[in-house]
Amino acid sequence: MKRTFDLIASLLALVMLSPIIVITALFVKKKIGSPVLFKQERPGLNGNLFYVYKFRSMTDERDAKGHLIPDYIRLTAIGKTLRKYSLDELPQLLNVTKGDMSFVGPRPLLFEYLHLYSNRQAKRHEVRPGITGWAQVNGRNAISWEQKFEYDVWYVENQSFWLDIKILFMTILKVIKSEGITQDGQATMEKYAGNNIKKN
C-alpha cells in the first residue's frame, strides 16, 4: 500500500509542481550555474546505494589547495531560500518514483556515516529513506544526531500508513513556519562524528 501511494502521489506531484520545478531550475542555473542538480550516493533500504537528487544550493568554490571552502560560505542567497521552503528537495520526487525513496522515512545520510552507527541506529535502513520523516517534524536540523536517530528508529518500529499521513501534514506546517532548518552556527548541521554508544 505504501509503495503504491508513493508511486501515484509522486507522479501526480511531478505533474502538478512542474511549473515550480522548472522555475526553480532556471533560477538555480542563472544564480549558481550548471549543473542545476546536485546528486550524491547515499545508502538506502538495507544500506544499498543510490543517487539522491537535489537542486544545488551551494557553489563549488575551493581554496588554494583545491579543497571545498566551508558550507556557510558556499551557501548562496538563493540556496538559503530553497532550503527555507524545502524547494531544494523537489527533485527527490524522482527518487520516490524510481523506488529509491519514500515520501516518509529516515532521511538518507552520507555513506561515510554507515560504520559509525550502533546496531540500533542502523535499524534506520530497514525501511526506504524519505523526503521527510519523524525526525524532520520533531526538530529537523535543530536537534542532536542522537535525538534524530532515536526518532528514526522509533518510526521504523511504529510505522503505519496513518502515521505517514500525519507526518506529511506536520511537514507542510513545518515548511510554512520554516522551523529547524539549521543547527546553531552551521549552514545546515555539523557532520556526524560517531558516538560512544556500545554497539548492541
N, C-alpha and C. Protein backbone atom coordinates (compact mmCIF):
# COMPACT_ATOMS: atom_id res chain seq x y z
N MET A 1 0.83 -1.20 0.00
CA MET A 1 0.00 0.00 0.00
C MET A 1 0.87 1.26 0.00
N LYS A 2 1.95 1.25 0.78
CA LYS A 2 2.81 2.43 0.87
C LYS A 2 3.50 2.70 -0.46
N ARG A 3 4.03 1.65 -1.10
CA ARG A 3 4.71 1.84 -2.38
C ARG A 3 3.73 2.33 -3.45
N THR A 4 2.53 1.80 -3.45
CA THR A 4 1.51 2.25 -4.41
C THR A 4 1.20 3.72 -4.21
N PHE A 5 1.03 4.12 -2.94
CA PHE A 5 0.77 5.53 -2.63
C PHE A 5 1.93 6.40 -3.09
N ASP A 6 3.16 5.96 -2.79
CA ASP A 6 4.34 6.74 -3.17
C ASP A 6 4.41 6.94 -4.68
N LEU A 7 4.17 5.88 -5.43
CA LEU A 7 4.28 5.95 -6.88
C LEU A 7 3.23 6.89 -7.47
N ILE A 8 1.98 6.69 -7.08
CA ILE A 8 0.90 7.53 -7.63
C ILE A 8 1.06 8.98 -7.20
N ALA A 9 1.34 9.20 -5.91
CA ALA A 9 1.46 10.56 -5.39
C ALA A 9 2.65 11.29 -5.98
N SER A 10 3.77 10.58 -6.18
CA SER A 10 4.97 11.24 -6.74
C SER A 10 4.74 11.63 -8.20
N LEU A 11 4.08 10.78 -8.96
CA LEU A 11 3.78 11.12 -10.36
C LEU A 11 2.84 12.32 -10.45
N LEU A 12 1.81 12.33 -9.60
CA LEU A 12 0.89 13.46 -9.58
C LEU A 12 1.61 14.74 -9.15
N ALA A 13 2.48 14.62 -8.14
CA ALA A 13 3.21 15.79 -7.64
C ALA A 13 4.14 16.34 -8.71
N LEU A 14 4.80 15.45 -9.46
CA LEU A 14 5.69 15.91 -10.53
C LEU A 14 4.93 16.70 -11.58
N VAL A 15 3.72 16.25 -11.90
CA VAL A 15 2.90 16.96 -12.89
C VAL A 15 2.40 18.29 -12.33
N MET A 16 1.84 18.26 -11.13
CA MET A 16 1.26 19.46 -10.54
C MET A 16 2.31 20.51 -10.20
N LEU A 17 3.49 20.07 -9.78
CA LEU A 17 4.54 21.00 -9.36
C LEU A 17 5.53 21.32 -10.47
N SER A 18 5.29 20.80 -11.67
CA SER A 18 6.24 21.01 -12.76
C SER A 18 6.54 22.48 -13.04
N PRO A 19 5.56 23.41 -12.98
CA PRO A 19 5.91 24.83 -13.18
C PRO A 19 6.90 25.34 -12.12
N ILE A 20 6.68 24.96 -10.87
CA ILE A 20 7.59 25.38 -9.79
C ILE A 20 8.96 24.76 -9.98
N ILE A 21 9.00 23.49 -10.39
CA ILE A 21 10.27 22.79 -10.60
C ILE A 21 11.06 23.46 -11.72
N VAL A 22 10.38 23.80 -12.82
CA VAL A 22 11.05 24.44 -13.96
C VAL A 22 11.57 25.82 -13.58
N ILE A 23 10.74 26.62 -12.91
CA ILE A 23 11.15 27.96 -12.49
C ILE A 23 12.34 27.90 -11.53
N THR A 24 12.28 26.96 -10.59
CA THR A 24 13.38 26.80 -9.63
C THR A 24 14.66 26.42 -10.36
N ALA A 25 14.56 25.51 -11.31
CA ALA A 25 15.73 25.08 -12.08
C ALA A 25 16.35 26.26 -12.83
N LEU A 26 15.51 27.12 -13.41
CA LEU A 26 16.00 28.29 -14.14
C LEU A 26 16.71 29.27 -13.22
N PHE A 27 16.17 29.47 -12.02
CA PHE A 27 16.79 30.37 -11.05
C PHE A 27 18.15 29.82 -10.61
N VAL A 28 18.20 28.51 -10.36
CA VAL A 28 19.46 27.90 -9.93
C VAL A 28 20.52 28.04 -11.03
N LYS A 29 20.11 27.78 -12.26
CA LYS A 29 21.05 27.90 -13.38
C LYS A 29 21.58 29.32 -13.53
N LYS A 30 20.69 30.30 -13.34
CA LYS A 30 21.10 31.71 -13.50
C LYS A 30 21.96 32.20 -12.35
N LYS A 31 21.59 31.83 -11.12
CA LYS A 31 22.26 32.37 -9.94
C LYS A 31 23.47 31.55 -9.47
N ILE A 32 23.43 30.24 -9.71
CA ILE A 32 24.52 29.38 -9.23
C ILE A 32 25.28 28.76 -10.39
N GLY A 33 24.56 28.42 -11.46
CA GLY A 33 25.21 27.82 -12.62
C GLY A 33 24.87 26.36 -12.79
N SER A 34 25.51 25.74 -13.76
CA SER A 34 25.30 24.33 -14.03
C SER A 34 26.35 23.49 -13.31
N PRO A 35 26.03 22.24 -12.99
CA PRO A 35 24.74 21.59 -13.21
C PRO A 35 23.69 22.11 -12.24
N VAL A 36 22.43 22.05 -12.64
CA VAL A 36 21.34 22.53 -11.80
C VAL A 36 21.09 21.58 -10.63
N LEU A 37 21.28 20.30 -10.89
CA LEU A 37 21.03 19.29 -9.86
C LEU A 37 22.31 18.88 -9.16
N PHE A 38 22.18 18.65 -7.87
CA PHE A 38 23.24 18.06 -7.06
C PHE A 38 22.87 16.61 -6.86
N LYS A 39 23.78 15.70 -7.14
CA LYS A 39 23.49 14.29 -6.88
C LYS A 39 24.64 13.67 -6.11
N GLN A 40 24.29 12.76 -5.23
CA GLN A 40 25.30 12.14 -4.38
C GLN A 40 24.82 10.76 -3.96
N GLU A 41 25.74 9.81 -3.90
CA GLU A 41 25.38 8.47 -3.46
C GLU A 41 25.06 8.45 -1.98
N ARG A 42 23.94 7.84 -1.64
CA ARG A 42 23.54 7.70 -0.25
C ARG A 42 23.06 6.26 -0.03
N PRO A 43 23.21 5.74 1.19
CA PRO A 43 22.67 4.41 1.48
C PRO A 43 21.17 4.47 1.72
N GLY A 44 20.45 3.54 1.10
CA GLY A 44 19.00 3.50 1.27
C GLY A 44 18.56 2.24 1.98
N LEU A 45 17.49 1.63 1.48
CA LEU A 45 16.95 0.41 2.06
C LEU A 45 18.02 -0.67 2.10
N ASN A 46 18.21 -1.26 3.28
CA ASN A 46 19.22 -2.31 3.50
C ASN A 46 20.64 -1.83 3.22
N GLY A 47 20.84 -0.51 3.23
CA GLY A 47 22.17 0.04 3.01
C GLY A 47 22.59 0.09 1.55
N ASN A 48 21.69 -0.27 0.64
CA ASN A 48 22.01 -0.24 -0.79
C ASN A 48 22.17 1.20 -1.27
N LEU A 49 23.20 1.44 -2.07
CA LEU A 49 23.49 2.80 -2.51
C LEU A 49 22.61 3.23 -3.68
N PHE A 50 22.25 4.50 -3.68
CA PHE A 50 21.51 5.10 -4.79
C PHE A 50 21.91 6.57 -4.86
N TYR A 51 21.60 7.21 -5.97
CA TYR A 51 21.88 8.64 -6.12
C TYR A 51 20.66 9.45 -5.68
N VAL A 52 20.87 10.32 -4.69
CA VAL A 52 19.82 11.22 -4.26
C VAL A 52 19.97 12.53 -5.03
N TYR A 53 18.83 13.11 -5.42
CA TYR A 53 18.84 14.33 -6.22
C TYR A 53 18.31 15.52 -5.42
N LYS A 54 18.97 16.66 -5.61
CA LYS A 54 18.52 17.92 -5.02
C LYS A 54 18.86 19.05 -5.99
N PHE A 55 18.17 20.18 -5.84
CA PHE A 55 18.62 21.37 -6.55
C PHE A 55 19.86 21.90 -5.83
N ARG A 56 20.81 22.34 -6.59
CA ARG A 56 22.03 22.90 -5.99
C ARG A 56 21.70 24.14 -5.17
N SER A 57 22.33 24.25 -4.02
CA SER A 57 22.16 25.43 -3.18
C SER A 57 23.50 26.07 -2.83
N MET A 58 24.60 25.41 -3.24
CA MET A 58 25.94 25.91 -2.94
C MET A 58 26.78 26.02 -4.21
N THR A 59 27.78 26.86 -4.14
CA THR A 59 28.76 26.96 -5.23
C THR A 59 29.82 25.86 -5.03
N ASP A 60 30.74 25.76 -5.97
CA ASP A 60 31.82 24.78 -5.86
C ASP A 60 33.16 25.46 -5.54
N GLU A 61 33.10 26.58 -4.84
CA GLU A 61 34.31 27.34 -4.54
C GLU A 61 35.29 26.52 -3.71
N ARG A 62 36.56 26.62 -4.08
CA ARG A 62 37.61 25.87 -3.39
C ARG A 62 38.73 26.81 -2.96
N ASP A 63 39.52 26.34 -1.99
CA ASP A 63 40.64 27.16 -1.52
C ASP A 63 41.85 26.92 -2.42
N ALA A 64 42.99 27.51 -2.07
CA ALA A 64 44.19 27.43 -2.89
C ALA A 64 44.69 25.99 -3.06
N LYS A 65 44.35 25.12 -2.12
CA LYS A 65 44.79 23.72 -2.18
C LYS A 65 43.78 22.82 -2.90
N GLY A 66 42.69 23.44 -3.37
CA GLY A 66 41.71 22.65 -4.10
C GLY A 66 40.63 22.04 -3.24
N HIS A 67 40.61 22.38 -1.94
CA HIS A 67 39.59 21.85 -1.04
C HIS A 67 38.37 22.76 -1.03
N LEU A 68 37.20 22.17 -0.92
CA LEU A 68 35.98 22.97 -0.83
C LEU A 68 36.02 23.85 0.40
N ILE A 69 35.64 25.12 0.23
CA ILE A 69 35.60 26.02 1.38
C ILE A 69 34.36 25.68 2.22
N PRO A 70 34.26 26.18 3.46
CA PRO A 70 33.15 25.82 4.35
C PRO A 70 31.77 26.05 3.73
N ASP A 71 30.82 25.20 4.12
CA ASP A 71 29.46 25.25 3.58
C ASP A 71 28.81 26.62 3.74
N TYR A 72 29.02 27.25 4.92
CA TYR A 72 28.32 28.51 5.17
C TYR A 72 28.77 29.62 4.23
N ILE A 73 29.97 29.46 3.65
CA ILE A 73 30.45 30.44 2.68
C ILE A 73 29.91 30.12 1.28
N ARG A 74 29.84 28.83 0.96
CA ARG A 74 29.38 28.41 -0.37
C ARG A 74 27.87 28.48 -0.53
N LEU A 75 27.15 28.50 0.60
CA LEU A 75 25.69 28.57 0.54
C LEU A 75 25.26 29.94 0.03
N THR A 76 24.55 29.95 -1.08
CA THR A 76 24.15 31.20 -1.72
C THR A 76 22.83 31.73 -1.15
N ALA A 77 22.51 32.97 -1.52
CA ALA A 77 21.25 33.57 -1.07
C ALA A 77 20.06 32.77 -1.59
N ILE A 78 20.11 32.40 -2.88
CA ILE A 78 19.00 31.61 -3.41
C ILE A 78 18.99 30.23 -2.78
N GLY A 79 20.18 29.73 -2.44
CA GLY A 79 20.26 28.44 -1.77
C GLY A 79 19.57 28.45 -0.42
N LYS A 80 19.74 29.54 0.31
CA LYS A 80 19.08 29.68 1.61
C LYS A 80 17.56 29.70 1.45
N THR A 81 17.10 30.37 0.40
CA THR A 81 15.65 30.42 0.14
C THR A 81 15.12 29.04 -0.23
N LEU A 82 15.87 28.33 -1.07
CA LEU A 82 15.46 26.98 -1.46
C LEU A 82 15.33 26.08 -0.24
N ARG A 83 16.30 26.17 0.66
CA ARG A 83 16.27 25.33 1.86
C ARG A 83 15.18 25.76 2.83
N LYS A 84 14.97 27.06 2.91
CA LYS A 84 13.95 27.57 3.83
C LYS A 84 12.58 26.99 3.51
N TYR A 85 12.27 26.88 2.22
CA TYR A 85 10.96 26.37 1.80
C TYR A 85 11.03 24.94 1.25
N SER A 86 12.18 24.28 1.48
CA SER A 86 12.40 22.88 1.05
C SER A 86 12.23 22.68 -0.45
N LEU A 87 12.42 23.73 -1.24
CA LEU A 87 12.34 23.60 -2.69
C LEU A 87 13.50 22.80 -3.25
N ASP A 88 14.62 22.79 -2.52
CA ASP A 88 15.78 22.02 -2.99
C ASP A 88 15.51 20.52 -2.99
N GLU A 89 14.47 20.09 -2.25
CA GLU A 89 14.15 18.67 -2.15
C GLU A 89 13.24 18.18 -3.28
N LEU A 90 12.69 19.08 -4.07
CA LEU A 90 11.72 18.68 -5.09
C LEU A 90 12.22 17.60 -6.06
N PRO A 91 13.50 17.64 -6.48
CA PRO A 91 13.96 16.57 -7.39
C PRO A 91 13.90 15.17 -6.78
N GLN A 92 13.75 15.09 -5.47
CA GLN A 92 13.66 13.77 -4.84
C GLN A 92 12.34 13.08 -5.15
N LEU A 93 11.40 13.80 -5.75
CA LEU A 93 10.19 13.15 -6.25
C LEU A 93 10.57 12.10 -7.29
N LEU A 94 11.66 12.34 -8.03
CA LEU A 94 12.15 11.35 -8.99
C LEU A 94 12.64 10.11 -8.26
N ASN A 95 13.32 10.32 -7.12
CA ASN A 95 13.79 9.19 -6.31
C ASN A 95 12.62 8.35 -5.80
N VAL A 96 11.53 9.03 -5.44
CA VAL A 96 10.36 8.32 -4.95
C VAL A 96 9.72 7.53 -6.08
N THR A 97 9.60 8.15 -7.25
CA THR A 97 9.03 7.46 -8.41
C THR A 97 9.84 6.22 -8.77
N LYS A 98 11.17 6.33 -8.70
CA LYS A 98 12.05 5.21 -9.04
C LYS A 98 12.01 4.11 -7.98
N GLY A 99 11.59 4.43 -6.76
CA GLY A 99 11.55 3.43 -5.70
C GLY A 99 12.75 3.46 -4.79
N ASP A 100 13.67 4.42 -5.00
CA ASP A 100 14.83 4.55 -4.13
C ASP A 100 14.43 5.11 -2.76
N MET A 101 13.38 5.96 -2.78
CA MET A 101 12.95 6.64 -1.57
C MET A 101 11.43 6.54 -1.44
N SER A 102 10.96 6.95 -0.27
CA SER A 102 9.54 7.06 0.00
C SER A 102 9.26 8.52 0.35
N PHE A 103 8.00 8.90 0.41
CA PHE A 103 7.70 10.25 0.89
C PHE A 103 8.10 10.39 2.35
N VAL A 104 7.89 9.33 3.13
CA VAL A 104 8.16 9.37 4.56
C VAL A 104 9.12 8.24 4.95
N GLY A 105 10.15 8.62 5.72
CA GLY A 105 11.13 7.64 6.19
C GLY A 105 12.33 8.39 6.73
N PRO A 106 13.30 7.71 7.29
CA PRO A 106 14.52 8.38 7.76
C PRO A 106 15.24 9.04 6.58
N ARG A 107 15.76 10.23 6.79
CA ARG A 107 16.46 10.92 5.72
C ARG A 107 17.70 10.15 5.30
N PRO A 108 18.00 10.07 3.98
CA PRO A 108 19.22 9.39 3.54
C PRO A 108 20.45 10.24 3.86
N LEU A 109 21.37 9.68 4.62
CA LEU A 109 22.55 10.42 5.07
C LEU A 109 23.79 9.99 4.29
N LEU A 110 24.94 10.51 4.67
CA LEU A 110 26.17 10.23 3.94
C LEU A 110 26.63 8.79 4.11
N PHE A 111 27.22 8.24 3.06
CA PHE A 111 27.75 6.87 3.09
C PHE A 111 28.78 6.71 4.19
N GLU A 112 29.56 7.76 4.43
CA GLU A 112 30.66 7.69 5.41
C GLU A 112 30.16 7.50 6.84
N TYR A 113 28.86 7.71 7.09
CA TYR A 113 28.31 7.53 8.44
C TYR A 113 28.01 6.07 8.76
N LEU A 114 27.92 5.21 7.75
CA LEU A 114 27.44 3.85 7.95
C LEU A 114 28.17 3.10 9.07
N HIS A 115 29.49 3.21 9.07
CA HIS A 115 30.26 2.44 10.06
C HIS A 115 30.24 3.09 11.45
N LEU A 116 29.61 4.25 11.56
CA LEU A 116 29.57 4.95 12.85
C LEU A 116 28.31 4.62 13.65
N TYR A 117 27.33 3.99 13.03
CA TYR A 117 26.07 3.71 13.71
C TYR A 117 26.20 2.56 14.71
N SER A 118 25.45 2.66 15.80
CA SER A 118 25.28 1.50 16.67
C SER A 118 24.31 0.56 15.94
N ASN A 119 24.20 -0.66 16.42
CA ASN A 119 23.27 -1.60 15.79
C ASN A 119 21.84 -1.06 15.80
N ARG A 120 21.48 -0.39 16.90
CA ARG A 120 20.13 0.17 16.98
C ARG A 120 19.95 1.29 15.97
N GLN A 121 20.92 2.17 15.86
CA GLN A 121 20.82 3.27 14.91
C GLN A 121 20.76 2.77 13.47
N ALA A 122 21.43 1.65 13.20
CA ALA A 122 21.46 1.09 11.86
C ALA A 122 20.09 0.58 11.41
N LYS A 123 19.15 0.44 12.35
CA LYS A 123 17.80 -0.02 12.00
C LYS A 123 17.10 0.98 11.09
N ARG A 124 17.61 2.19 11.02
CA ARG A 124 17.01 3.21 10.15
C ARG A 124 17.04 2.77 8.68
N HIS A 125 17.90 1.80 8.36
CA HIS A 125 18.00 1.32 6.99
C HIS A 125 17.10 0.11 6.72
N GLU A 126 16.22 -0.20 7.65
CA GLU A 126 15.28 -1.31 7.44
C GLU A 126 14.05 -0.87 6.65
N VAL A 127 13.96 0.43 6.37
CA VAL A 127 12.88 0.97 5.53
C VAL A 127 13.50 1.89 4.49
N ARG A 128 12.73 2.22 3.46
CA ARG A 128 13.22 3.17 2.46
C ARG A 128 13.41 4.54 3.12
N PRO A 129 14.45 5.26 2.75
CA PRO A 129 14.62 6.62 3.26
C PRO A 129 13.52 7.52 2.71
N GLY A 130 13.28 8.65 3.37
CA GLY A 130 12.19 9.51 2.97
C GLY A 130 12.58 10.94 2.68
N ILE A 131 11.71 11.65 1.97
CA ILE A 131 11.89 13.09 1.76
C ILE A 131 11.69 13.80 3.09
N THR A 132 10.76 13.30 3.88
CA THR A 132 10.55 13.82 5.23
C THR A 132 10.41 12.64 6.17
N GLY A 133 10.45 12.91 7.46
CA GLY A 133 10.37 11.82 8.42
C GLY A 133 10.01 12.30 9.81
N TRP A 134 9.94 11.36 10.75
CA TRP A 134 9.56 11.69 12.12
C TRP A 134 10.58 12.64 12.76
N ALA A 135 11.84 12.47 12.43
CA ALA A 135 12.87 13.37 12.98
C ALA A 135 12.72 14.77 12.41
N GLN A 136 12.31 14.86 11.14
CA GLN A 136 12.18 16.18 10.49
C GLN A 136 11.04 17.00 11.08
N VAL A 137 9.97 16.34 11.52
CA VAL A 137 8.85 17.09 12.09
C VAL A 137 9.01 17.25 13.60
N ASN A 138 10.11 16.74 14.13
CA ASN A 138 10.38 16.88 15.57
C ASN A 138 11.72 17.56 15.83
N GLY A 139 12.06 18.51 14.96
CA GLY A 139 13.27 19.27 15.20
C GLY A 139 14.17 19.46 14.00
N ARG A 140 14.10 18.51 13.05
CA ARG A 140 14.90 18.61 11.83
C ARG A 140 16.39 18.76 12.16
N ASN A 141 17.04 19.83 11.73
CA ASN A 141 18.46 20.01 11.98
C ASN A 141 18.76 20.72 13.30
N ALA A 142 17.73 21.09 14.05
CA ALA A 142 17.93 21.81 15.31
C ALA A 142 18.13 20.86 16.49
N ILE A 143 18.01 19.54 16.25
CA ILE A 143 18.19 18.56 17.33
C ILE A 143 19.52 17.84 17.13
N SER A 144 19.97 17.14 18.16
CA SER A 144 21.24 16.43 18.07
C SER A 144 21.12 15.20 17.17
N TRP A 145 22.26 14.70 16.73
CA TRP A 145 22.26 13.48 15.92
C TRP A 145 21.63 12.32 16.69
N GLU A 146 21.97 12.20 17.98
CA GLU A 146 21.44 11.09 18.76
C GLU A 146 19.91 11.14 18.85
N GLN A 147 19.37 12.35 19.05
CA GLN A 147 17.92 12.50 19.08
C GLN A 147 17.31 12.15 17.74
N LYS A 148 17.97 12.59 16.67
CA LYS A 148 17.48 12.33 15.32
C LYS A 148 17.41 10.83 15.05
N PHE A 149 18.45 10.11 15.44
CA PHE A 149 18.47 8.67 15.20
C PHE A 149 17.41 7.95 16.04
N GLU A 150 17.17 8.44 17.25
CA GLU A 150 16.13 7.82 18.07
C GLU A 150 14.76 8.00 17.43
N TYR A 151 14.51 9.17 16.86
CA TYR A 151 13.26 9.40 16.15
C TYR A 151 13.16 8.49 14.93
N ASP A 152 14.28 8.31 14.22
CA ASP A 152 14.28 7.44 13.04
C ASP A 152 13.93 6.01 13.41
N VAL A 153 14.56 5.50 14.47
CA VAL A 153 14.31 4.13 14.89
C VAL A 153 12.88 3.98 15.41
N TRP A 154 12.39 5.00 16.12
CA TRP A 154 11.00 4.95 16.60
C TRP A 154 10.06 4.82 15.41
N TYR A 155 10.35 5.55 14.33
CA TYR A 155 9.50 5.46 13.15
C TYR A 155 9.53 4.05 12.58
N VAL A 156 10.72 3.47 12.46
CA VAL A 156 10.84 2.13 11.91
C VAL A 156 10.01 1.14 12.72
N GLU A 157 10.01 1.30 14.03
CA GLU A 157 9.32 0.36 14.91
C GLU A 157 7.82 0.63 15.01
N ASN A 158 7.38 1.80 14.57
CA ASN A 158 5.96 2.15 14.72
C ASN A 158 5.30 2.59 13.42
N GLN A 159 5.93 2.35 12.30
CA GLN A 159 5.42 2.86 11.03
C GLN A 159 4.04 2.31 10.69
N SER A 160 3.25 3.18 10.08
CA SER A 160 1.93 2.81 9.59
C SER A 160 1.53 3.84 8.54
N PHE A 161 0.54 3.52 7.75
CA PHE A 161 0.07 4.44 6.71
C PHE A 161 -0.43 5.74 7.33
N TRP A 162 -1.17 5.64 8.42
CA TRP A 162 -1.74 6.83 9.05
C TRP A 162 -0.68 7.68 9.73
N LEU A 163 0.37 7.05 10.23
CA LEU A 163 1.49 7.82 10.78
C LEU A 163 2.15 8.60 9.66
N ASP A 164 2.29 7.99 8.48
CA ASP A 164 2.87 8.69 7.34
C ASP A 164 2.02 9.91 6.96
N ILE A 165 0.72 9.75 6.95
CA ILE A 165 -0.17 10.87 6.61
C ILE A 165 0.00 11.99 7.64
N LYS A 166 0.09 11.62 8.91
CA LYS A 166 0.28 12.61 9.97
C LYS A 166 1.59 13.36 9.76
N ILE A 167 2.66 12.63 9.43
CA ILE A 167 3.97 13.26 9.22
C ILE A 167 3.94 14.20 8.02
N LEU A 168 3.24 13.82 6.96
CA LEU A 168 3.15 14.67 5.78
C LEU A 168 2.45 15.99 6.11
N PHE A 169 1.36 15.93 6.86
CA PHE A 169 0.66 17.16 7.26
C PHE A 169 1.53 18.01 8.18
N MET A 170 2.22 17.36 9.13
CA MET A 170 3.11 18.09 10.02
C MET A 170 4.26 18.74 9.25
N THR A 171 4.72 18.06 8.19
CA THR A 171 5.80 18.60 7.36
C THR A 171 5.37 19.89 6.68
N ILE A 172 4.15 19.90 6.15
CA ILE A 172 3.63 21.11 5.49
C ILE A 172 3.65 22.29 6.46
N LEU A 173 3.24 22.06 7.70
CA LEU A 173 3.24 23.12 8.71
C LEU A 173 4.65 23.58 9.02
N LYS A 174 5.59 22.63 9.12
CA LYS A 174 6.98 22.97 9.42
C LYS A 174 7.59 23.80 8.30
N VAL A 175 7.27 23.45 7.05
CA VAL A 175 7.80 24.19 5.91
C VAL A 175 7.26 25.61 5.90
N ILE A 176 5.96 25.76 6.18
CA ILE A 176 5.34 27.08 6.22
C ILE A 176 5.99 27.95 7.31
N LYS A 177 6.29 27.32 8.45
CA LYS A 177 6.89 28.05 9.57
C LYS A 177 8.40 28.17 9.45
N SER A 178 9.00 27.42 8.51
CA SER A 178 10.46 27.41 8.30
C SER A 178 11.21 27.10 9.58
N GLU A 179 10.81 26.02 10.25
CA GLU A 179 11.41 25.65 11.53
C GLU A 179 12.48 24.58 11.36
N GLY A 180 13.55 24.68 12.20
CA GLY A 180 14.55 23.64 12.29
C GLY A 180 15.43 23.45 11.08
N ILE A 181 15.59 24.50 10.27
CA ILE A 181 16.35 24.37 9.03
C ILE A 181 17.83 24.16 9.29
N THR A 182 18.36 24.88 10.28
CA THR A 182 19.80 24.79 10.56
C THR A 182 20.07 24.53 12.04
N GLN A 183 21.26 24.04 12.27
CA GLN A 183 21.77 23.90 13.63
C GLN A 183 22.52 25.19 13.96
N ASP A 184 22.50 25.61 15.21
CA ASP A 184 23.18 26.85 15.58
C ASP A 184 24.63 26.84 15.12
N GLY A 185 25.02 27.89 14.40
CA GLY A 185 26.40 28.02 13.96
C GLY A 185 26.76 27.21 12.74
N GLN A 186 25.79 26.56 12.08
CA GLN A 186 26.06 25.74 10.92
C GLN A 186 25.18 26.17 9.74
N ALA A 187 25.66 25.86 8.51
CA ALA A 187 24.85 26.12 7.33
C ALA A 187 23.64 25.21 7.32
N THR A 188 23.82 24.00 7.78
CA THR A 188 22.71 23.06 7.96
C THR A 188 22.89 22.36 9.30
N MET A 189 23.81 21.36 9.32
CA MET A 189 24.10 20.65 10.56
C MET A 189 25.52 20.12 10.48
N GLU A 190 26.23 20.11 11.60
CA GLU A 190 27.59 19.61 11.58
C GLU A 190 27.60 18.12 11.24
N LYS A 191 28.73 17.65 10.69
CA LYS A 191 28.82 16.25 10.31
C LYS A 191 28.78 15.35 11.53
N TYR A 192 28.23 14.15 11.31
CA TYR A 192 28.14 13.17 12.38
C TYR A 192 29.52 12.53 12.56
N ALA A 193 30.01 12.53 13.80
CA ALA A 193 31.34 12.00 14.08
C ALA A 193 31.30 10.72 14.90
N GLY A 194 30.11 10.13 15.04
CA GLY A 194 30.01 8.90 15.83
C GLY A 194 29.67 9.23 17.27
N ASN A 195 29.54 8.19 18.08
CA ASN A 195 29.20 8.37 19.49
C ASN A 195 29.84 7.27 20.31
N ASN A 196 29.59 7.33 21.57
CA ASN A 196 30.17 6.33 22.48
C ASN A 196 29.19 5.24 22.84
N ILE A 197 28.08 5.15 22.06
CA ILE A 197 27.08 4.13 22.33
C ILE A 197 27.64 2.76 21.99
N LYS A 198 27.55 1.82 22.92
CA LYS A 198 28.05 0.47 22.67
C LYS A 198 27.21 -0.18 21.57
N LYS A 199 27.87 -0.83 20.62
CA LYS A 199 27.18 -1.46 19.50
C LYS A 199 26.50 -2.72 19.97
N ASN A 200 25.21 -2.57 20.32
CA ASN A 200 24.47 -3.77 20.72
C ASN A 200 23.04 -3.68 20.17
